[in-house]
């Protein structure tokens, strides 16, 4: 297992900026592997900087939850509740999916609650759905496919209700109980912290695309802290080291991955 020093991941450019101590400690707790909840984890990974900002977005989640609750009968089983959440989100924002859209929960919440504009990409829509589903105490996870729809890596929701498993494809308006991913391989079911690892990996990719290789590496390290088996984050950190001219370190980093496989 990869061992990364949490203080190194957090102290560069973080303590001196506007992020308050509450958020710093929350991220440390998250990166230690302690459960802080999907909503808070996703908001911290999205870049909230103050307790007030965190609470504002948590309140937005609660308001969405209350609005959805009013449309779902009290005697609904898990599948009916899950369907009710799905339908409510699509009815409120029918033009919601954007392949290059946001994965940050902060931006996705703003788009869902606001007027106009698409809501997010597959990662952003899946995080939003799972956060709301967990408020209804539904047993949801994310599923990861290396390639879907000919577009590359993809995530969607999986609902577990007793012996029944329901795939929920958040990018399609008819994606509830979606059948086409059933035989897709390889298919990984992710726990919440692995979903957050994908957020940090996506942030790293954004930073790499802008040429900020140092901060990209910081986020790849955070991704690997949460999901040490995430091969894409491992490879992309190696690429970032090459771009910084640290060829020996990049070679050793990639060899260490080969030894683990």
C-alpha atoms as a PDB file:
ATOM      1  CA  UNK A   1       0.000   0.000   0.000  1.00  0.00           C
ATOM      2  CA  UNK A   2       1.227   3.501  -0.795  1.00  0.00           C
ATOM      3  CA  UNK A   3       2.092   5.530   2.308  1.00  0.00           C
ATOM      4  CA  UNK A   4       1.812   9.266   1.886  1.00  0.00           C
ATOM      5  CA  UNK A   5       2.366  11.902   4.560  1.00  0.00           C
ATOM      6  CA  UNK A   6      -0.883  13.800   5.080  1.00  0.00           C
ATOM      7  CA  UNK A   7       0.866  16.920   6.351  1.00  0.00           C
ATOM      8  CA  UNK A   8       2.866  17.140   3.124  1.00  0.00           C
ATOM      9  CA  UNK A   9      -0.342  16.875   1.128  1.00  0.00           C
ATOM     10  CA  UNK A  10      -1.937  19.742   3.011  1.00  0.00           C
ATOM     11  CA  UNK A  11       0.715  22.224   4.036  1.00  0.00           C
ATOM     12  CA  UNK A  12       1.833  23.525   0.656  1.00  0.00           C
ATOM     13  CA  UNK A  13      -0.129  26.636  -0.196  1.00  0.00           C
ATOM     14  CA  UNK A  14      -3.014  25.750   2.115  1.00  0.00           C
ATOM     15  CA  UNK A  15      -2.294  27.060   5.612  1.00  0.00           C
ATOM     16  CA  UNK A  16      -1.433  30.505   4.353  1.00  0.00           C
ATOM     17  CA  UNK A  17      -4.506  30.993   2.228  1.00  0.00           C
ATOM     18  CA  UNK A  18      -8.082  31.758   3.192  1.00  0.00           C
ATOM     19  CA  UNK A  19      -9.000  28.168   4.107  1.00  0.00           C
ATOM     20  CA  UNK A  20      -9.960  28.070   7.767  1.00  0.00           C
ATOM     21  CA  UNK A  21      -8.847  25.535  10.346  1.00  0.00           C
ATOM     22  CA  UNK A  22     -12.153  23.648  10.323  1.00  0.00           C
ATOM     23  CA  UNK A  23     -11.800  22.762   6.637  1.00  0.00           C
ATOM     24  CA  UNK A  24      -8.107  21.907   6.979  1.00  0.00           C
ATOM     25  CA  UNK A  25      -8.830  19.507   9.841  1.00  0.00           C
ATOM     26  CA  UNK A  26     -11.790  18.032   7.988  1.00  0.00           C
ATOM     27  CA  UNK A  27      -9.597  17.278   4.976  1.00  0.00           C
ATOM     28  CA  UNK A  28      -6.931  15.727   7.199  1.00  0.00           C
ATOM     29  CA  UNK A  29      -9.597  13.493   8.712  1.00  0.00           C
ATOM     30  CA  UNK A  30     -10.841  12.543   5.258  1.00  0.00           C
ATOM     31  CA  UNK A  31      -7.341  11.678   3.997  1.00  0.00           C
ATOM     32  CA  UNK A  32      -6.684   9.526   7.061  1.00  0.00           C
ATOM     33  CA  UNK A  33      -9.542   7.365   5.857  1.00  0.00           C
ATOM     34  CA  UNK A  34     -12.001   8.352   8.574  1.00  0.00           C
ATOM     35  CA  UNK A  35     -15.647   8.638   7.552  1.00  0.00           C
ATOM     36  CA  UNK A  36     -16.824  12.253   7.443  1.00  0.00           C
ATOM     37  CA  UNK A  37     -19.775  11.564   5.146  1.00  0.00           C
ATOM     38  CA  UNK A  38     -20.018  11.788   1.380  1.00  0.00           C
ATOM     39  CA  UNK A  39     -21.511  15.289   1.337  1.00  0.00           C
ATOM     40  CA  UNK A  40     -18.816  16.906   3.498  1.00  0.00           C
ATOM     41  CA  UNK A  41     -16.060  14.942   1.763  1.00  0.00           C
ATOM     42  CA  UNK A  42     -17.236  16.032  -1.681  1.00  0.00           C
ATOM     43  CA  UNK A  43     -17.578  19.658  -0.607  1.00  0.00           C
ATOM     44  CA  UNK A  44     -14.081  19.704   0.870  1.00  0.00           C
ATOM     45  CA  UNK A  45     -12.664  18.106  -2.285  1.00  0.00           C
ATOM     46  CA  UNK A  46     -14.629  20.666  -4.315  1.00  0.00           C
ATOM     47  CA  UNK A  47     -12.664  23.458  -2.660  1.00  0.00           C
ATOM     48  CA  UNK A  48     -14.832  25.025   0.044  1.00  0.00           C
ATOM     49  CA  UNK A  49     -12.589  27.213   2.208  1.00  0.00           C
ATOM     50  CA  UNK A  50     -14.620  28.223   5.258  1.00  0.00           C
ATOM     51  CA  UNK A  51     -17.047  26.677   7.693  1.00  0.00           C
ATOM     52  CA  UNK A  52     -19.676  29.186   6.576  1.00  0.00           C
ATOM     53  CA  UNK A  53     -19.283  28.142   2.961  1.00  0.00           C
ATOM     54  CA  UNK A  54     -19.476  24.466   3.930  1.00  0.00           C
ATOM     55  CA  UNK A  55     -22.654  25.049   5.921  1.00  0.00           C
ATOM     56  CA  UNK A  56     -24.219  27.027   3.072  1.00  0.00           C
ATOM     57  CA  UNK A  57     -23.842  24.094   0.687  1.00  0.00           C
ATOM     58  CA  UNK A  58     -24.988  21.586   3.298  1.00  0.00           C
ATOM     59  CA  UNK A  59     -28.104  23.735   3.695  1.00  0.00           C
ATOM     60  CA  UNK A  60     -28.618  23.613  -0.087  1.00  0.00           C
ATOM     61  CA  UNK A  61     -28.505  19.803   0.113  1.00  0.00           C
ATOM     62  CA  UNK A  62     -31.042  19.835   2.945  1.00  0.00           C
ATOM     63  CA  UNK A  63     -33.371  22.088   0.960  1.00  0.00           C
ATOM     64  CA  UNK A  64     -33.185  19.776  -2.051  1.00  0.00           C
ATOM     65  CA  UNK A  65     -33.866  16.821   0.238  1.00  0.00           C
ATOM     66  CA  UNK A  66     -36.947  18.476   1.731  1.00  0.00           C
ATOM     67  CA  UNK A  67     -38.268  19.408  -1.698  1.00  0.00           C
ATOM     68  CA  UNK A  68     -37.877  15.838  -2.938  1.00  0.00           C
ATOM     69  CA  UNK A  69     -39.403  14.414   0.255  1.00  0.00           C
ATOM     70  CA  UNK A  70     -42.635  16.290  -0.488  1.00  0.00           C
ATOM     71  CA  UNK A  71     -43.012  14.341  -3.758  1.00  0.00           C
ATOM     72  CA  UNK A  72     -42.364  10.817  -2.431  1.00  0.00           C
ATOM     73  CA  UNK A  73     -45.105   8.903  -0.583  1.00  0.00           C
ATOM     74  CA  UNK A  74     -44.190   7.944   2.992  1.00  0.00           C
ATOM     75  CA  UNK A  75     -44.756   4.228   2.361  1.00  0.00           C
ATOM     76  CA  UNK A  76     -42.367   4.064  -0.609  1.00  0.00           C
ATOM     77  CA  UNK A  77     -39.789   1.290  -0.611  1.00  0.00           C
ATOM     78  CA  UNK A  78     -36.110   1.883  -1.419  1.00  0.00           C
ATOM     79  CA  UNK A  79     -36.518   1.487  -5.171  1.00  0.00           C
ATOM     80  CA  UNK A  80     -39.482   3.871  -5.301  1.00  0.00           C
ATOM     81  CA  UNK A  81     -37.581   6.440  -3.238  1.00  0.00           C
ATOM     82  CA  UNK A  82     -34.580   6.097  -5.527  1.00  0.00           C
ATOM     83  CA  UNK A  83     -36.815   6.529  -8.561  1.00  0.00           C
ATOM     84  CA  UNK A  84     -38.458   9.561  -6.977  1.00  0.00           C
ATOM     85  CA  UNK A  85     -35.086  11.252  -6.456  1.00  0.00           C
ATOM     86  CA  UNK A  86     -34.046  10.472 -10.024  1.00  0.00           C
ATOM     87  CA  UNK A  87     -37.284  11.789 -11.544  1.00  0.00           C
ATOM     88  CA  UNK A  88     -37.258  14.941  -9.418  1.00  0.00           C
ATOM     89  CA  UNK A  89     -33.721  15.830 -10.492  1.00  0.00           C
ATOM     90  CA  UNK A  90     -34.475  15.294 -14.181  1.00  0.00           C
ATOM     91  CA  UNK A  91     -37.790  17.148 -14.053  1.00  0.00           C
ATOM     92  CA  UNK A  92     -36.105  20.110 -12.383  1.00  0.00           C
ATOM     93  CA  UNK A  93     -33.200  20.151 -14.852  1.00  0.00           C
ATOM     94  CA  UNK A  94     -34.022  18.100 -17.958  1.00  0.00           C
ATOM     95  CA  UNK A  95     -30.996  19.408 -19.880  1.00  0.00           C
ATOM     96  CA  UNK A  96     -28.563  18.431 -17.138  1.00  0.00           C
ATOM     97  CA  UNK A  97     -25.676  16.404 -18.574  1.00  0.00           C
ATOM     98  CA  UNK A  98     -22.533  17.935 -20.073  1.00  0.00           C
ATOM     99  CA  UNK A  99     -19.609  15.619 -20.970  1.00  0.00           C
ATOM    100  CA  UNK A 100     -17.131  18.369 -20.096  1.00  0.00           C
ATOM    101  CA  UNK A 101     -19.257  19.741 -17.279  1.00  0.00           C
ATOM    102  CA  UNK A 102     -18.362  20.162 -13.640  1.00  0.00           C
ATOM    103  CA  UNK A 103     -17.618  17.359 -11.203  1.00  0.00           C
ATOM    104  CA  UNK A 104     -17.407  19.672  -8.180  1.00  0.00           C
ATOM    105  CA  UNK A 105     -20.389  19.293  -5.870  1.00  0.00           C
ATOM    106  CA  UNK A 106     -20.398  23.033  -5.161  1.00  0.00           C
ATOM    107  CA  UNK A 107     -20.902  23.915  -8.820  1.00  0.00           C
ATOM    108  CA  UNK A 108     -23.313  21.042  -9.400  1.00  0.00           C
ATOM    109  CA  UNK A 109     -25.505  22.197  -6.505  1.00  0.00           C
ATOM    110  CA  UNK A 110     -25.497  25.769  -7.786  1.00  0.00           C
ATOM    111  CA  UNK A 111     -26.496  24.573 -11.257  1.00  0.00           C
ATOM    112  CA  UNK A 112     -29.245  22.265  -9.930  1.00  0.00           C
ATOM    113  CA  UNK A 113     -30.723  25.036  -7.801  1.00  0.00           C
ATOM    114  CA  UNK A 114     -30.251  27.840 -10.315  1.00  0.00           C
ATOM    115  CA  UNK A 115     -31.843  28.841 -13.591  1.00  0.00           C
ATOM    116  CA  UNK A 116     -30.462  27.664 -16.911  1.00  0.00           C
ATOM    117  CA  UNK A 117     -27.241  25.833 -17.671  1.00  0.00           C
ATOM    118  CA  UNK A 118     -26.299  22.203 -17.522  1.00  0.00           C
ATOM    119  CA  UNK A 119     -25.623  20.613 -14.153  1.00  0.00           C
ATOM    120  CA  UNK A 120     -22.499  18.485 -14.537  1.00  0.00           C
ATOM    121  CA  UNK A 121     -20.631  15.541 -16.005  1.00  0.00           C
ATOM    122  CA  UNK A 122     -21.110  11.905 -15.028  1.00  0.00           C
ATOM    123  CA  UNK A 123     -19.002  12.279 -11.879  1.00  0.00           C
ATOM    124  CA  UNK A 124     -20.776  15.430 -10.746  1.00  0.00           C
ATOM    125  CA  UNK A 125     -24.248  14.006 -11.397  1.00  0.00           C
ATOM    126  CA  UNK A 126     -23.396  10.748  -9.629  1.00  0.00           C
ATOM    127  CA  UNK A 127     -22.042  12.538  -6.558  1.00  0.00           C
ATOM    128  CA  UNK A 128     -25.152  14.723  -6.368  1.00  0.00           C
ATOM    129  CA  UNK A 129     -27.481  11.743  -6.712  1.00  0.00           C
ATOM    130  CA  UNK A 130     -25.619   9.651  -4.149  1.00  0.00           C
ATOM    131  CA  UNK A 131     -25.476  12.502  -1.630  1.00  0.00           C
ATOM    132  CA  UNK A 132     -29.250  12.939  -1.851  1.00  0.00           C
ATOM    133  CA  UNK A 133     -29.930   9.187  -1.859  1.00  0.00           C
ATOM    134  CA  UNK A 134     -27.908   8.791   1.322  1.00  0.00           C
ATOM    135  CA  UNK A 135     -30.049  11.487   2.956  1.00  0.00           C
ATOM    136  CA  UNK A 136     -32.927   9.072   2.332  1.00  0.00           C
ATOM    137  CA  UNK A 137     -30.813   6.306   3.920  1.00  0.00           C
ATOM    138  CA  UNK A 138     -30.552   4.403   0.652  1.00  0.00           C
ATOM    139  CA  UNK A 139     -27.665   1.979   0.144  1.00  0.00           C
ATOM    140  CA  UNK A 140     -25.983   3.496  -2.899  1.00  0.00           C
ATOM    141  CA  UNK A 141     -22.481   3.210  -4.300  1.00  0.00           C
ATOM    142  CA  UNK A 142     -20.786   4.384  -7.464  1.00  0.00           C
ATOM    143  CA  UNK A 143     -19.770   1.983 -10.217  1.00  0.00           C
ATOM    144  CA  UNK A 144     -16.751   2.683 -12.410  1.00  0.00           C
ATOM    145  CA  UNK A 145     -16.260   1.559 -15.995  1.00  0.00           C
ATOM    146  CA  UNK A 146     -12.977   1.993 -17.825  1.00  0.00           C
ATOM    147  CA  UNK A 147     -14.920   2.840 -20.970  1.00  0.00           C
ATOM    148  CA  UNK A 148     -18.609   3.591 -21.566  1.00  0.00           C
ATOM    149  CA  UNK A 149     -20.492   5.064 -24.511  1.00  0.00           C
ATOM    150  CA  UNK A 150     -17.167   5.225 -26.370  1.00  0.00           C
ATOM    151  CA  UNK A 151     -16.132   8.203 -24.209  1.00  0.00           C
ATOM    152  CA  UNK A 152     -13.669   6.636 -21.804  1.00  0.00           C
ATOM    153  CA  UNK A 153     -13.933   6.363 -17.992  1.00  0.00           C
ATOM    154  CA  UNK A 154     -17.428   6.631 -16.571  1.00  0.00           C
ATOM    155  CA  UNK A 155     -19.229   6.471 -13.228  1.00  0.00           C
ATOM    156  CA  UNK A 156     -22.871   5.882 -12.343  1.00  0.00           C
ATOM    157  CA  UNK A 157     -24.942   4.914  -9.304  1.00  0.00           C
ATOM    158  CA  UNK A 158     -25.717   1.432  -8.030  1.00  0.00           C
ATOM    159  CA  UNK A 159     -28.586   0.918  -5.566  1.00  0.00           C
ATOM    160  CA  UNK A 160     -28.571  -2.169  -3.360  1.00  0.00           C
ATOM    161  CA  UNK A 161     -31.920  -3.221  -1.874  1.00  0.00           C
ATOM    162  CA  UNK A 162     -31.781  -6.674  -0.355  1.00  0.00           C
ATOM    163  CA  UNK A 163     -30.833  -9.059  -3.142  1.00  0.00           C
ATOM    164  CA  UNK A 164     -31.809  -6.596  -5.848  1.00  0.00           C
ATOM    165  CA  UNK A 165     -29.280  -4.298  -7.508  1.00  0.00           C
ATOM    166  CA  UNK A 166     -30.430  -1.373  -9.632  1.00  0.00           C
ATOM    167  CA  UNK A 167     -28.130   0.542 -11.959  1.00  0.00           C
ATOM    168  CA  UNK A 168     -28.907   4.263 -12.151  1.00  0.00           C
ATOM    169  CA  UNK A 169     -27.382   6.029 -15.149  1.00  0.00           C
ATOM    170  CA  UNK A 170     -27.410   9.669 -14.151  1.00  0.00           C
ATOM    171  CA  UNK A 171     -26.562  11.075 -17.589  1.00  0.00           C
ATOM    172  CA  UNK A 172     -29.699   9.708 -19.288  1.00  0.00           C
ATOM    173  CA  UNK A 173     -33.311  10.761 -18.650  1.00  0.00           C
ATOM    174  CA  UNK A 174     -34.382   7.111 -18.949  1.00  0.00           C
ATOM    175  CA  UNK A 175     -31.365   5.873 -17.010  1.00  0.00           C
ATOM    176  CA  UNK A 176     -33.166   4.488 -13.956  1.00  0.00           C
ATOM    177  CA  UNK A 177     -32.804   0.687 -13.807  1.00  0.00           C
ATOM    178  CA  UNK A 178     -30.414   0.958 -16.742  1.00  0.00           C
ATOM    179  CA  UNK A 179     -29.577  -2.421 -18.272  1.00  0.00           C
ATOM    180  CA  UNK A 180     -26.756  -1.766 -20.723  1.00  0.00           C
ATOM    181  CA  UNK A 181     -23.963  -1.674 -18.118  1.00  0.00           C
ATOM    182  CA  UNK A 182     -24.889  -5.061 -16.668  1.00  0.00           C
ATOM    183  CA  UNK A 183     -22.410  -7.047 -18.732  1.00  0.00           C
ATOM    184  CA  UNK A 184     -19.741  -4.360 -18.924  1.00  0.00           C
ATOM    185  CA  UNK A 185     -16.302  -5.487 -17.756  1.00  0.00           C
ATOM    186  CA  UNK A 186     -14.268  -4.612 -15.881  1.00  0.00           C
ATOM    187  CA  UNK A 187     -16.817  -3.051 -13.544  1.00  0.00           C
ATOM    188  CA  UNK A 188     -15.699  -1.752 -10.162  1.00  0.00           C
ATOM    189  CA  UNK A 189     -18.085  -0.801  -7.379  1.00  0.00           C
ATOM    190  CA  UNK A 190     -16.619   2.122  -5.468  1.00  0.00           C
ATOM    191  CA  UNK A 191     -17.123   3.092  -1.873  1.00  0.00           C
ATOM    192  CA  UNK A 192     -17.553   6.756  -1.043  1.00  0.00           C
ATOM    193  CA  UNK A 193     -13.862   7.447  -0.447  1.00  0.00           C
ATOM    194  CA  UNK A 194     -12.971   5.943  -3.825  1.00  0.00           C
ATOM    195  CA  UNK A 195     -15.490   8.294  -5.421  1.00  0.00           C
ATOM    196  CA  UNK A 196     -13.801  11.212  -3.642  1.00  0.00           C
ATOM    197  CA  UNK A 197     -10.454   9.901  -4.887  1.00  0.00           C
ATOM    198  CA  UNK A 198     -11.792  10.334  -8.419  1.00  0.00           C
ATOM    199  CA  UNK A 199     -12.616  13.961  -7.602  1.00  0.00           C
ATOM    200  CA  UNK A 200      -9.046  14.646  -6.497  1.00  0.00           C
ATOM    201  CA  UNK A 201      -7.776  12.855  -9.603  1.00  0.00           C
ATOM    202  CA  UNK A 202     -10.000  15.051 -11.775  1.00  0.00           C
ATOM    203  CA  UNK A 203      -8.694  18.176 -10.033  1.00  0.00           C
ATOM    204  CA  UNK A 204      -5.176  16.946 -10.676  1.00  0.00           C
ATOM    205  CA  UNK A 205      -5.999  16.531 -14.365  1.00  0.00           C
ATOM    206  CA  UNK A 206      -7.340  20.096 -14.550  1.00  0.00           C
ATOM    207  CA  UNK A 207      -4.175  21.439 -12.953  1.00  0.00           C
ATOM    208  CA  UNK A 208      -2.002  19.347 -15.261  1.00  0.00           C
ATOM    209  CA  UNK A 209      -3.867  20.693 -18.283  1.00  0.00           C
ATOM    210  CA  UNK A 210      -3.066  24.223 -17.094  1.00  0.00           C
ATOM    211  CA  UNK A 211       0.605  23.346 -16.587  1.00  0.00           C
ATOM    212  CA  UNK A 212       0.548  23.478 -12.782  1.00  0.00           C
ATOM    213  CA  UNK A 213       2.331  20.155 -12.354  1.00  0.00           C
ATOM    214  CA  UNK A 214       3.265  20.609  -8.686  1.00  0.00           C
ATOM    215  CA  UNK A 215      -0.328  21.107  -7.570  1.00  0.00           C
ATOM    216  CA  UNK A 216      -1.433  18.339  -9.929  1.00  0.00           C
ATOM    217  CA  UNK A 217       0.901  15.991  -8.057  1.00  0.00           C
ATOM    218  CA  UNK A 218      -0.536  17.131  -4.718  1.00  0.00           C
ATOM    219  CA  UNK A 219      -4.004  16.119  -5.877  1.00  0.00           C
ATOM    220  CA  UNK A 220      -2.867  12.834  -7.420  1.00  0.00           C
ATOM    221  CA  UNK A 221      -1.299  12.056  -4.034  1.00  0.00           C
ATOM    222  CA  UNK A 222      -4.595  12.795  -2.294  1.00  0.00           C
ATOM    223  CA  UNK A 223      -6.390  10.554  -4.770  1.00  0.00           C
ATOM    224  CA  UNK A 224      -3.943   7.736  -4.070  1.00  0.00           C
ATOM    225  CA  UNK A 225      -4.213   8.267  -0.347  1.00  0.00           C
ATOM    226  CA  UNK A 226      -7.911   7.398  -0.623  1.00  0.00           C
ATOM    227  CA  UNK A 227      -7.578   4.757  -3.346  1.00  0.00           C
ATOM    228  CA  UNK A 228      -4.048   3.299  -3.519  1.00  0.00           C
ATOM    229  CA  UNK A 229      -5.090   1.030  -6.391  1.00  0.00           C
ATOM    230  CA  UNK A 230      -6.183   3.861  -8.671  1.00  0.00           C
ATOM    231  CA  UNK A 231      -3.899   3.196 -11.626  1.00  0.00           C
ATOM    232  CA  UNK A 232      -4.831   6.349 -13.571  1.00  0.00           C
ATOM    233  CA  UNK A 233      -3.771   8.608 -10.700  1.00  0.00           C
ATOM    234  CA  UNK A 234      -0.574   6.610 -10.356  1.00  0.00           C
ATOM    235  CA  UNK A 235       0.253   6.951 -14.056  1.00  0.00           C
ATOM    236  CA  UNK A 236      -0.667  10.635 -14.199  1.00  0.00           C
ATOM    237  CA  UNK A 237       1.582  11.438 -11.252  1.00  0.00           C
ATOM    238  CA  UNK A 238       4.407   9.758 -13.156  1.00  0.00           C
ATOM    239  CA  UNK A 239       3.660  11.901 -16.206  1.00  0.00           C
ATOM    240  CA  UNK A 240       3.656  15.027 -14.033  1.00  0.00           C
ATOM    241  CA  UNK A 241       7.067  14.107 -12.618  1.00  0.00           C
ATOM    242  CA  UNK A 242       8.380  13.711 -16.163  1.00  0.00           C
ATOM    243  CA  UNK A 243       6.984  17.119 -17.123  1.00  0.00           C
ATOM    244  CA  UNK A 244       8.845  18.636 -14.160  1.00  0.00           C
ATOM    245  CA  UNK A 245      12.080  17.051 -15.389  1.00  0.00           C
ATOM    246  CA  UNK A 246      12.320  14.646 -12.452  1.00  0.00           C
ATOM    247  CA  UNK A 247      13.028  11.669 -14.669  1.00  0.00           C
ATOM    248  CA  UNK A 248      14.752   9.474 -12.088  1.00  0.00           C
ATOM    249  CA  UNK A 249      11.953  10.030  -9.592  1.00  0.00           C
ATOM    250  CA  UNK A 250       9.340   9.343 -12.278  1.00  0.00           C
ATOM    251  CA  UNK A 251      11.059   6.098 -13.257  1.00  0.00           C
ATOM    252  CA  UNK A 252      11.244   4.945  -9.643  1.00  0.00           C
ATOM    253  CA  UNK A 253       7.616   5.929  -9.057  1.00  0.00           C
ATOM    254  CA  UNK A 254       6.410   3.899 -12.022  1.00  0.00           C
ATOM    255  CA  UNK A 255       8.661   0.945 -11.131  1.00  0.00           C
ATOM    256  CA  UNK A 256       7.140   0.915  -7.643  1.00  0.00           C
ATOM    257  CA  UNK A 257       3.730   0.537  -9.268  1.00  0.00           C
ATOM    258  CA  UNK A 258       4.995  -2.366 -11.357  1.00  0.00           C
ATOM    259  CA  UNK A 259       6.246  -4.089  -8.199  1.00  0.00           C
ATOM    260  CA  UNK A 260       2.796  -3.767  -6.614  1.00  0.00           C
ATOM    261  CA  UNK A 261       0.864  -5.158  -9.567  1.00  0.00           C
END
